[in-house]
C-alpha atoms as a PDB file:
ATOM      1  CA  UNK A   1      -1.914  35.514 -27.006  1.00  0.00           C
ATOM      2  CA  UNK A   2      -1.838  37.423 -30.069  1.00  0.00           C
ATOM      3  CA  UNK A   3       1.992  37.813 -28.906  1.00  0.00           C
ATOM      4  CA  UNK A   4       2.708  34.241 -28.052  1.00  0.00           C
ATOM      5  CA  UNK A   5       1.464  32.994 -31.436  1.00  0.00           C
ATOM      6  CA  UNK A   6       3.028  35.884 -33.399  1.00  0.00           C
ATOM      7  CA  UNK A   7       6.582  34.791 -31.796  1.00  0.00           C
ATOM      8  CA  UNK A   8       6.011  31.218 -32.408  1.00  0.00           C
ATOM      9  CA  UNK A   9       5.097  31.533 -35.785  1.00  0.00           C
ATOM     10  CA  UNK A  10       8.551  33.454 -36.107  1.00  0.00           C
ATOM     11  CA  UNK A  11      10.258  30.128 -34.579  1.00  0.00           C
ATOM     12  CA  UNK A  12       8.933  27.567 -37.928  1.00  0.00           C
ATOM     13  CA  UNK A  13       9.369  28.534 -41.388  1.00  0.00           C
ATOM     14  CA  UNK A  14       6.099  26.773 -42.740  1.00  0.00           C
ATOM     15  CA  UNK A  15       3.764  29.449 -42.034  1.00  0.00           C
ATOM     16  CA  UNK A  16       3.809  33.395 -42.701  1.00  0.00           C
ATOM     17  CA  UNK A  17       2.303  36.361 -41.170  1.00  0.00           C
ATOM     18  CA  UNK A  18      -0.468  38.010 -44.031  1.00  0.00           C
ATOM     19  CA  UNK A  19      -2.366  40.294 -41.355  1.00  0.00           C
ATOM     20  CA  UNK A  20      -2.972  41.670 -37.402  1.00  0.00           C
ATOM     21  CA  UNK A  21      -6.081  42.351 -36.485  1.00  0.00           C
ATOM     22  CA  UNK A  22      -6.860  44.426 -33.103  1.00  0.00           C
ATOM     23  CA  UNK A  23      -9.739  46.358 -31.818  1.00  0.00           C
ATOM     24  CA  UNK A  24     -10.862  49.967 -32.589  1.00  0.00           C
ATOM     25  CA  UNK A  25      -8.749  52.450 -30.666  1.00  0.00           C
ATOM     26  CA  UNK A  26      -6.118  49.949 -29.993  1.00  0.00           C
ATOM     27  CA  UNK A  27      -2.704  52.532 -29.140  1.00  0.00           C
ATOM     28  CA  UNK A  28      -1.132  49.801 -31.773  1.00  0.00           C
ATOM     29  CA  UNK A  29      -2.829  50.635 -34.888  1.00  0.00           C
ATOM     30  CA  UNK A  30      -0.660  51.238 -37.334  1.00  0.00           C
ATOM     31  CA  UNK A  31       2.352  49.284 -36.088  1.00  0.00           C
ATOM     32  CA  UNK A  32       4.274  46.500 -37.779  1.00  0.00           C
ATOM     33  CA  UNK A  33       3.031  43.644 -36.236  1.00  0.00           C
ATOM     34  CA  UNK A  34       6.479  42.410 -36.000  1.00  0.00           C
ATOM     35  CA  UNK A  35       7.295  45.135 -33.453  1.00  0.00           C
ATOM     36  CA  UNK A  36       5.454  43.847 -30.825  1.00  0.00           C
ATOM     37  CA  UNK A  37       7.793  40.890 -30.145  1.00  0.00           C
ATOM     38  CA  UNK A  38      10.286  42.603 -30.732  1.00  0.00           C
ATOM     39  CA  UNK A  39      11.421  40.667 -34.164  1.00  0.00           C
ATOM     40  CA  UNK A  40      12.400  42.332 -37.360  1.00  0.00           C
ATOM     41  CA  UNK A  41       9.712  44.391 -39.624  1.00  0.00           C
ATOM     42  CA  UNK A  42       7.884  41.947 -41.696  1.00  0.00           C
ATOM     43  CA  UNK A  43       5.775  44.820 -43.261  1.00  0.00           C
ATOM     44  CA  UNK A  44       2.427  43.923 -41.275  1.00  0.00           C
ATOM     45  CA  UNK A  45       0.332  46.784 -40.271  1.00  0.00           C
ATOM     46  CA  UNK A  46      -2.151  45.959 -37.231  1.00  0.00           C
ATOM     47  CA  UNK A  47      -5.121  47.147 -38.355  1.00  0.00           C
ATOM     48  CA  UNK A  48      -8.608  47.246 -37.002  1.00  0.00           C
ATOM     49  CA  UNK A  49     -10.408  46.172 -40.369  1.00  0.00           C
ATOM     50  CA  UNK A  50     -10.995  42.386 -40.854  1.00  0.00           C
ATOM     51  CA  UNK A  51     -11.181  42.670 -44.310  1.00  0.00           C
ATOM     52  CA  UNK A  52      -8.076  43.990 -44.790  1.00  0.00           C
ATOM     53  CA  UNK A  53      -6.110  41.523 -42.041  1.00  0.00           C
ATOM     54  CA  UNK A  54      -7.366  38.860 -43.431  1.00  0.00           C
ATOM     55  CA  UNK A  55      -6.593  39.872 -47.419  1.00  0.00           C
ATOM     56  CA  UNK A  56      -4.372  36.705 -48.670  1.00  0.00           C
ATOM     57  CA  UNK A  57      -4.696  34.354 -45.357  1.00  0.00           C
ATOM     58  CA  UNK A  58      -5.517  30.934 -45.570  1.00  0.00           C
ATOM     59  CA  UNK A  59      -6.310  30.966 -42.020  1.00  0.00           C
ATOM     60  CA  UNK A  60      -7.073  33.388 -39.099  1.00  0.00           C
ATOM     61  CA  UNK A  61      -6.337  32.487 -35.249  1.00  0.00           C
ATOM     62  CA  UNK A  62      -9.225  34.240 -33.084  1.00  0.00           C
ATOM     63  CA  UNK A  63      -7.832  34.723 -29.687  1.00  0.00           C
ATOM     64  CA  UNK A  64     -10.341  37.845 -29.132  1.00  0.00           C
ATOM     65  CA  UNK A  65     -13.808  38.335 -26.454  1.00  0.00           C
ATOM     66  CA  UNK A  66     -17.152  37.219 -27.422  1.00  0.00           C
ATOM     67  CA  UNK A  67     -18.987  40.289 -28.497  1.00  0.00           C
ATOM     68  CA  UNK A  68     -16.127  40.152 -31.148  1.00  0.00           C
ATOM     69  CA  UNK A  69     -16.954  36.756 -32.321  1.00  0.00           C
ATOM     70  CA  UNK A  70     -19.908  37.164 -35.432  1.00  0.00           C
ATOM     71  CA  UNK A  71     -17.963  39.943 -37.139  1.00  0.00           C
ATOM     72  CA  UNK A  72     -15.296  37.868 -37.181  1.00  0.00           C
ATOM     73  CA  UNK A  73     -16.992  34.687 -38.852  1.00  0.00           C
ATOM     74  CA  UNK A  74     -18.395  37.087 -40.995  1.00  0.00           C
ATOM     75  CA  UNK A  75     -15.740  38.238 -42.193  1.00  0.00           C
ATOM     76  CA  UNK A  76     -13.712  34.775 -42.214  1.00  0.00           C
ATOM     77  CA  UNK A  77     -16.716  33.676 -44.880  1.00  0.00           C
ATOM     78  CA  UNK A  78     -16.888  36.868 -46.556  1.00  0.00           C
ATOM     79  CA  UNK A  79     -12.512  36.020 -47.473  1.00  0.00           C
ATOM     80  CA  UNK A  80     -13.427  31.941 -47.405  1.00  0.00           C
ATOM     81  CA  UNK A  81     -10.885  31.986 -44.811  1.00  0.00           C
ATOM     82  CA  UNK A  82     -10.663  28.811 -42.564  1.00  0.00           C
ATOM     83  CA  UNK A  83     -10.491  29.722 -38.820  1.00  0.00           C
ATOM     84  CA  UNK A  84      -9.192  29.001 -35.959  1.00  0.00           C
ATOM     85  CA  UNK A  85     -11.413  29.756 -32.811  1.00  0.00           C
ATOM     86  CA  UNK A  86      -9.494  30.200 -29.051  1.00  0.00           C
ATOM     87  CA  UNK A  87     -12.010  32.648 -27.639  1.00  0.00           C
ATOM     88  CA  UNK A  88     -13.590  31.306 -24.110  1.00  0.00           C
ATOM     89  CA  UNK A  89     -16.946  32.152 -22.615  1.00  0.00           C
ATOM     90  CA  UNK A  90     -19.115  31.976 -25.768  1.00  0.00           C
ATOM     91  CA  UNK A  91     -23.087  32.209 -25.416  1.00  0.00           C
ATOM     92  CA  UNK A  92     -25.588  30.138 -27.780  1.00  0.00           C
ATOM     93  CA  UNK A  93     -26.063  32.980 -30.391  1.00  0.00           C
ATOM     94  CA  UNK A  94     -22.361  32.958 -31.006  1.00  0.00           C
ATOM     95  CA  UNK A  95     -21.672  28.655 -30.990  1.00  0.00           C
ATOM     96  CA  UNK A  96     -24.938  28.751 -33.273  1.00  0.00           C
ATOM     97  CA  UNK A  97     -23.425  31.185 -35.303  1.00  0.00           C
ATOM     98  CA  UNK A  98     -20.017  29.129 -35.781  1.00  0.00           C
ATOM     99  CA  UNK A  99     -22.171  26.101 -36.513  1.00  0.00           C
ATOM    100  CA  UNK A 100     -23.600  28.181 -39.322  1.00  0.00           C
ATOM    101  CA  UNK A 101     -20.293  29.554 -40.425  1.00  0.00           C
ATOM    102  CA  UNK A 102     -19.032  25.840 -40.495  1.00  0.00           C
ATOM    103  CA  UNK A 103     -21.465  25.117 -43.431  1.00  0.00           C
ATOM    104  CA  UNK A 104     -19.252  27.292 -45.320  1.00  0.00           C
ATOM    105  CA  UNK A 105     -15.501  27.665 -44.132  1.00  0.00           C
ATOM    106  CA  UNK A 106     -13.634  25.323 -41.925  1.00  0.00           C
ATOM    107  CA  UNK A 107     -13.433  25.824 -38.267  1.00  0.00           C
ATOM    108  CA  UNK A 108     -11.547  24.466 -35.554  1.00  0.00           C
ATOM    109  CA  UNK A 109     -13.012  25.230 -31.989  1.00  0.00           C
ATOM    110  CA  UNK A 110     -11.748  24.680 -28.548  1.00  0.00           C
ATOM    111  CA  UNK A 111     -11.931  26.168 -25.310  1.00  0.00           C
ATOM    112  CA  UNK A 112      -8.072  25.136 -25.112  1.00  0.00           C
ATOM    113  CA  UNK A 113      -5.389  24.840 -27.902  1.00  0.00           C
ATOM    114  CA  UNK A 114      -3.655  23.093 -25.508  1.00  0.00           C
ATOM    115  CA  UNK A 115      -1.716  19.614 -27.164  1.00  0.00           C
ATOM    116  CA  UNK A 116      -0.840  18.251 -23.638  1.00  0.00           C
ATOM    117  CA  UNK A 117      -4.699  19.680 -22.408  1.00  0.00           C
ATOM    118  CA  UNK A 118      -6.247  17.312 -25.210  1.00  0.00           C
ATOM    119  CA  UNK A 119      -4.688  14.694 -24.604  1.00  0.00           C
ATOM    120  CA  UNK A 120      -5.494  15.174 -20.443  1.00  0.00           C
ATOM    121  CA  UNK A 121      -9.002  15.201 -21.624  1.00  0.00           C
ATOM    122  CA  UNK A 122      -8.959  12.033 -24.174  1.00  0.00           C
ATOM    123  CA  UNK A 123      -7.599  10.468 -20.745  1.00  0.00           C
ATOM    124  CA  UNK A 124     -10.106  11.764 -18.340  1.00  0.00           C
ATOM    125  CA  UNK A 125     -12.770  10.559 -20.382  1.00  0.00           C
ATOM    126  CA  UNK A 126     -11.403   7.202 -20.490  1.00  0.00           C
ATOM    127  CA  UNK A 127     -11.171   7.249 -16.875  1.00  0.00           C
ATOM    128  CA  UNK A 128     -14.599   7.926 -16.588  1.00  0.00           C
ATOM    129  CA  UNK A 129     -15.532   5.777 -18.537  1.00  0.00           C
ATOM    130  CA  UNK A 130     -13.358   2.559 -16.731  1.00  0.00           C
ATOM    131  CA  UNK A 131     -14.317   3.440 -13.473  1.00  0.00           C
ATOM    132  CA  UNK A 132     -18.133   3.984 -13.475  1.00  0.00           C
ATOM    133  CA  UNK A 133     -20.423   5.827 -11.242  1.00  0.00           C
ATOM    134  CA  UNK A 134     -19.082   4.513  -8.596  1.00  0.00           C
ATOM    135  CA  UNK A 135     -16.973   7.330  -8.398  1.00  0.00           C
ATOM    136  CA  UNK A 136     -17.323  10.951  -7.214  1.00  0.00           C
ATOM    137  CA  UNK A 137     -15.737  13.671  -9.807  1.00  0.00           C
ATOM    138  CA  UNK A 138     -14.278  17.086  -8.563  1.00  0.00           C
ATOM    139  CA  UNK A 139     -12.740  19.103 -10.877  1.00  0.00           C
ATOM    140  CA  UNK A 140     -10.528  21.833  -9.581  1.00  0.00           C
ATOM    141  CA  UNK A 141      -9.286  24.975 -12.096  1.00  0.00           C
ATOM    142  CA  UNK A 142      -7.211  27.912 -10.744  1.00  0.00           C
ATOM    143  CA  UNK A 143      -6.545  30.847 -13.237  1.00  0.00           C
ATOM    144  CA  UNK A 144      -4.697  34.474 -13.684  1.00  0.00           C
ATOM    145  CA  UNK A 145      -6.688  37.011 -11.273  1.00  0.00           C
ATOM    146  CA  UNK A 146      -7.851  39.014 -14.552  1.00  0.00           C
ATOM    147  CA  UNK A 147      -9.422  35.773 -16.085  1.00  0.00           C
ATOM    148  CA  UNK A 148     -13.394  36.786 -16.095  1.00  0.00           C
ATOM    149  CA  UNK A 149     -14.915  33.445 -16.961  1.00  0.00           C
ATOM    150  CA  UNK A 150     -16.152  30.898 -14.095  1.00  0.00           C
ATOM    151  CA  UNK A 151     -15.455  28.218 -14.446  1.00  0.00           C
ATOM    152  CA  UNK A 152     -13.020  27.826 -17.137  1.00  0.00           C
ATOM    153  CA  UNK A 153     -13.907  26.584 -20.846  1.00  0.00           C
ATOM    154  CA  UNK A 154     -11.263  24.077 -19.925  1.00  0.00           C
ATOM    155  CA  UNK A 155     -12.978  22.831 -16.889  1.00  0.00           C
ATOM    156  CA  UNK A 156     -16.681  22.976 -18.514  1.00  0.00           C
ATOM    157  CA  UNK A 157     -15.167  20.374 -21.033  1.00  0.00           C
ATOM    158  CA  UNK A 158     -13.534  17.562 -19.204  1.00  0.00           C
ATOM    159  CA  UNK A 159     -16.990  17.998 -17.502  1.00  0.00           C
ATOM    160  CA  UNK A 160     -18.837  17.651 -20.142  1.00  0.00           C
ATOM    161  CA  UNK A 161     -16.719  14.561 -21.353  1.00  0.00           C
ATOM    162  CA  UNK A 162     -17.210  12.759 -18.508  1.00  0.00           C
ATOM    163  CA  UNK A 163     -20.958  13.579 -18.035  1.00  0.00           C
ATOM    164  CA  UNK A 164     -20.897  12.247 -21.224  1.00  0.00           C
ATOM    165  CA  UNK A 165     -19.383   8.841 -20.460  1.00  0.00           C
ATOM    166  CA  UNK A 166     -21.801   8.496 -17.926  1.00  0.00           C
ATOM    167  CA  UNK A 167     -24.462   8.752 -20.664  1.00  0.00           C
ATOM    168  CA  UNK A 168     -25.926  12.117 -18.722  1.00  0.00           C
ATOM    169  CA  UNK A 169     -25.624  16.311 -19.471  1.00  0.00           C
ATOM    170  CA  UNK A 170     -23.643  18.008 -17.835  1.00  0.00           C
ATOM    171  CA  UNK A 171     -26.667  20.594 -16.734  1.00  0.00           C
ATOM    172  CA  UNK A 172     -28.044  17.609 -15.051  1.00  0.00           C
ATOM    173  CA  UNK A 173     -25.111  16.986 -12.862  1.00  0.00           C
ATOM    174  CA  UNK A 174     -23.104  20.101 -12.548  1.00  0.00           C
ATOM    175  CA  UNK A 175     -22.597  21.446  -8.952  1.00  0.00           C
ATOM    176  CA  UNK A 176     -21.169  24.816  -9.024  1.00  0.00           C
ATOM    177  CA  UNK A 177     -20.995  25.968  -5.577  1.00  0.00           C
ATOM    178  CA  UNK A 178     -21.468  24.307  -2.732  1.00  0.00           C
ATOM    179  CA  UNK A 179     -22.220  27.072   0.714  1.00  0.00           C
ATOM    180  CA  UNK A 180     -24.394  26.431   4.254  1.00  0.00           C
ATOM    181  CA  UNK A 181     -26.054  22.632   5.068  1.00  0.00           C
ATOM    182  CA  UNK A 182     -25.793  21.689   1.562  1.00  0.00           C
ATOM    183  CA  UNK A 183     -27.107  17.896   2.860  1.00  0.00           C
ATOM    184  CA  UNK A 184     -25.106  14.609   1.376  1.00  0.00           C
ATOM    185  CA  UNK A 185     -23.357  14.671  -1.622  1.00  0.00           C
ATOM    186  CA  UNK A 186     -25.763  13.139  -4.532  1.00  0.00           C
ATOM    187  CA  UNK A 187     -24.409  10.233  -6.490  1.00  0.00           C
ATOM    188  CA  UNK A 188     -23.576  11.097 -10.039  1.00  0.00           C
ATOM    189  CA  UNK A 189     -22.884  14.699  -9.750  1.00  0.00           C
ATOM    190  CA  UNK A 190     -19.586  16.448 -10.679  1.00  0.00           C
ATOM    191  CA  UNK A 191     -18.202  19.213  -8.677  1.00  0.00           C
ATOM    192  CA  UNK A 192     -16.573  22.175  -9.971  1.00  0.00           C
ATOM    193  CA  UNK A 193     -13.849  24.316  -7.895  1.00  0.00           C
ATOM    194  CA  UNK A 194     -12.012  28.012  -8.941  1.00  0.00           C
ATOM    195  CA  UNK A 195      -9.585  29.552  -7.692  1.00  0.00           C
ATOM    196  CA  UNK A 196      -8.343  33.285  -8.839  1.00  0.00           C
ATOM    197  CA  UNK A 197      -5.126  35.023  -8.320  1.00  0.00           C
ATOM    198  CA  UNK A 198      -1.771  36.287  -9.460  1.00  0.00           C
ATOM    199  CA  UNK A 199      -0.636  35.326 -12.877  1.00  0.00           C
ATOM    200  CA  UNK A 200      -1.470  31.588 -12.969  1.00  0.00           C
ATOM    201  CA  UNK A 201      -1.393  30.252 -16.455  1.00  0.00           C
ATOM    202  CA  UNK A 202      -4.081  27.746 -16.027  1.00  0.00           C
ATOM    203  CA  UNK A 203      -3.951  24.808 -13.843  1.00  0.00           C
ATOM    204  CA  UNK A 204      -7.045  21.601 -13.164  1.00  0.00           C
ATOM    205  CA  UNK A 205      -7.414  18.678 -12.064  1.00  0.00           C
ATOM    206  CA  UNK A 206     -10.011  15.955 -11.986  1.00  0.00           C
ATOM    207  CA  UNK A 207     -10.274  13.203  -8.737  1.00  0.00           C
ATOM    208  CA  UNK A 208     -12.286  10.489  -9.075  1.00  0.00           C
ATOM    209  CA  UNK A 209     -12.936   9.676  -5.674  1.00  0.00           C
ATOM    210  CA  UNK A 210     -13.606   6.014  -4.426  1.00  0.00           C
ATOM    211  CA  UNK A 211     -14.390   4.672  -1.390  1.00  0.00           C
ATOM    212  CA  UNK A 212     -11.399   3.053  -1.140  1.00  0.00           C
ATOM    213  CA  UNK A 213      -8.961   4.567  -4.113  1.00  0.00           C
ATOM    214  CA  UNK A 214      -8.587   7.946  -5.791  1.00  0.00           C
ATOM    215  CA  UNK A 215      -7.204   8.793  -9.029  1.00  0.00           C
ATOM    216  CA  UNK A 216      -6.276  12.306  -9.843  1.00  0.00           C
ATOM    217  CA  UNK A 217      -5.711  13.511 -13.078  1.00  0.00           C
ATOM    218  CA  UNK A 218      -3.686  16.799 -13.110  1.00  0.00           C
ATOM    219  CA  UNK A 219      -2.393  19.273 -16.356  1.00  0.00           C
ATOM    220  CA  UNK A 220      -0.543  22.433 -15.435  1.00  0.00           C
ATOM    221  CA  UNK A 221       0.188  24.667 -18.124  1.00  0.00           C
ATOM    222  CA  UNK A 222       3.307  26.353 -17.182  1.00  0.00           C
ATOM    223  CA  UNK A 223       3.409  29.402 -20.478  1.00  0.00           C
ATOM    224  CA  UNK A 224       0.797  30.888 -22.887  1.00  0.00           C
ATOM    225  CA  UNK A 225       2.967  29.500 -25.859  1.00  0.00           C
ATOM    226  CA  UNK A 226       1.781  25.892 -25.131  1.00  0.00           C
ATOM    227  CA  UNK A 227      -2.226  27.589 -26.397  1.00  0.00           C
ATOM    228  CA  UNK A 228      -0.283  29.447 -29.110  1.00  0.00           C
ATOM    229  CA  UNK A 229       1.672  26.157 -30.249  1.00  0.00           C
ATOM    230  CA  UNK A 230      -1.730  24.207 -30.465  1.00  0.00           C
ATOM    231  CA  UNK A 231      -3.378  26.852 -32.243  1.00  0.00           C
ATOM    232  CA  UNK A 232      -0.632  27.143 -34.920  1.00  0.00           C
ATOM    233  CA  UNK A 233      -0.843  23.255 -35.248  1.00  0.00           C
ATOM    234  CA  UNK A 234      -5.405  23.805 -35.778  1.00  0.00           C
ATOM    235  CA  UNK A 235      -4.581  26.010 -38.832  1.00  0.00           C
ATOM    236  CA  UNK A 236      -1.814  24.036 -40.588  1.00  0.00           C
ATOM    237  CA  UNK A 237      -4.351  21.374 -40.012  1.00  0.00           C
ATOM    238  CA  UNK A 238      -7.032  23.729 -40.999  1.00  0.00           C
ATOM    239  CA  UNK A 239      -5.530  24.801 -44.508  1.00  0.00           C
ATOM    240  CA  UNK A 240      -7.565  23.586 -47.118  1.00  0.00           C
ATOM    241  CA  UNK A 241     -10.118  20.945 -45.310  1.00  0.00           C
ATOM    242  CA  UNK A 242     -13.478  21.269 -46.538  1.00  0.00           C
ATOM    243  CA  UNK A 243     -15.950  22.742 -44.428  1.00  0.00           C
ATOM    244  CA  UNK A 244     -17.462  21.798 -41.069  1.00  0.00           C
ATOM    245  CA  UNK A 245     -17.058  22.479 -37.292  1.00  0.00           C
ATOM    246  CA  UNK A 246     -13.919  20.255 -35.914  1.00  0.00           C
ATOM    247  CA  UNK A 247     -12.199  20.014 -32.632  1.00  0.00           C
ATOM    248  CA  UNK A 248      -8.584  19.357 -31.650  1.00  0.00           C
ATOM    249  CA  UNK A 249      -9.881  16.250 -30.508  1.00  0.00           C
ATOM    250  CA  UNK A 250      -9.440  15.541 -35.125  1.00  0.00           C
ATOM    251  CA  UNK A 251      -6.586  17.943 -35.631  1.00  0.00           C
ATOM    252  CA  UNK A 252      -5.110  15.336 -32.917  1.00  0.00           C
ATOM    253  CA  UNK A 253      -6.755  12.413 -34.016  1.00  0.00           C
ATOM    254  CA  UNK A 254      -8.203  11.630 -30.448  1.00  0.00           C
ATOM    255  CA  UNK A 255     -11.238  10.148 -29.440  1.00  0.00           C
ATOM    256  CA  UNK A 256     -14.167  12.628 -29.676  1.00  0.00           C
ATOM    257  CA  UNK A 257     -15.910   9.881 -27.095  1.00  0.00           C
END
């Protein structure tokens, strides 16, 4: 994702790279960040020091691992740098740390930065309201073999939006797996199915299944650049914004319902 973001950034004249941060011990340390995408050198060396990497930056974009989230939040608060977070698999401790940091800096957090998938979520939420409880809901997601969390953050976000549209919490209605004699489906539940394989960037489908008809919404990410372009749009939006915890719905002017 770092390479995808850098490559997309270099396609525009509106953005300037001031730092590139990686983990300690990375073999890329010290190399010019532009080398990673075969571009003309920028004089921006890859560093493992967040303070150095954030020096002079208005906005940082974080696509790392949950274990790095709290340190990245502290570095951005210390530097007064707005932050876009696309890291998935965050736990409650990290989410609470993000909420605390958002009292001091603007943060855009989304489990999927794709512009298309956020419009997809909005449409699914609208459908959940219009169709009502008479339609069973199944969410199916497919990702590459190396993805470590399941269901995906996007699938969970879709489930949360649908559950909220029905006045419920996802934890009350989610079914994450079926095996053996499960008995009849419990009305109002939301089922999840997960597939992993190959290099699939990301596919999500939501099926509303009624007694006489089915309605299906599908989103397919074909290149990681779609997440990069969304993150860069969020970064431009966040620059100079008041402190707060924002979503891609805010960035795109979509409903949060």
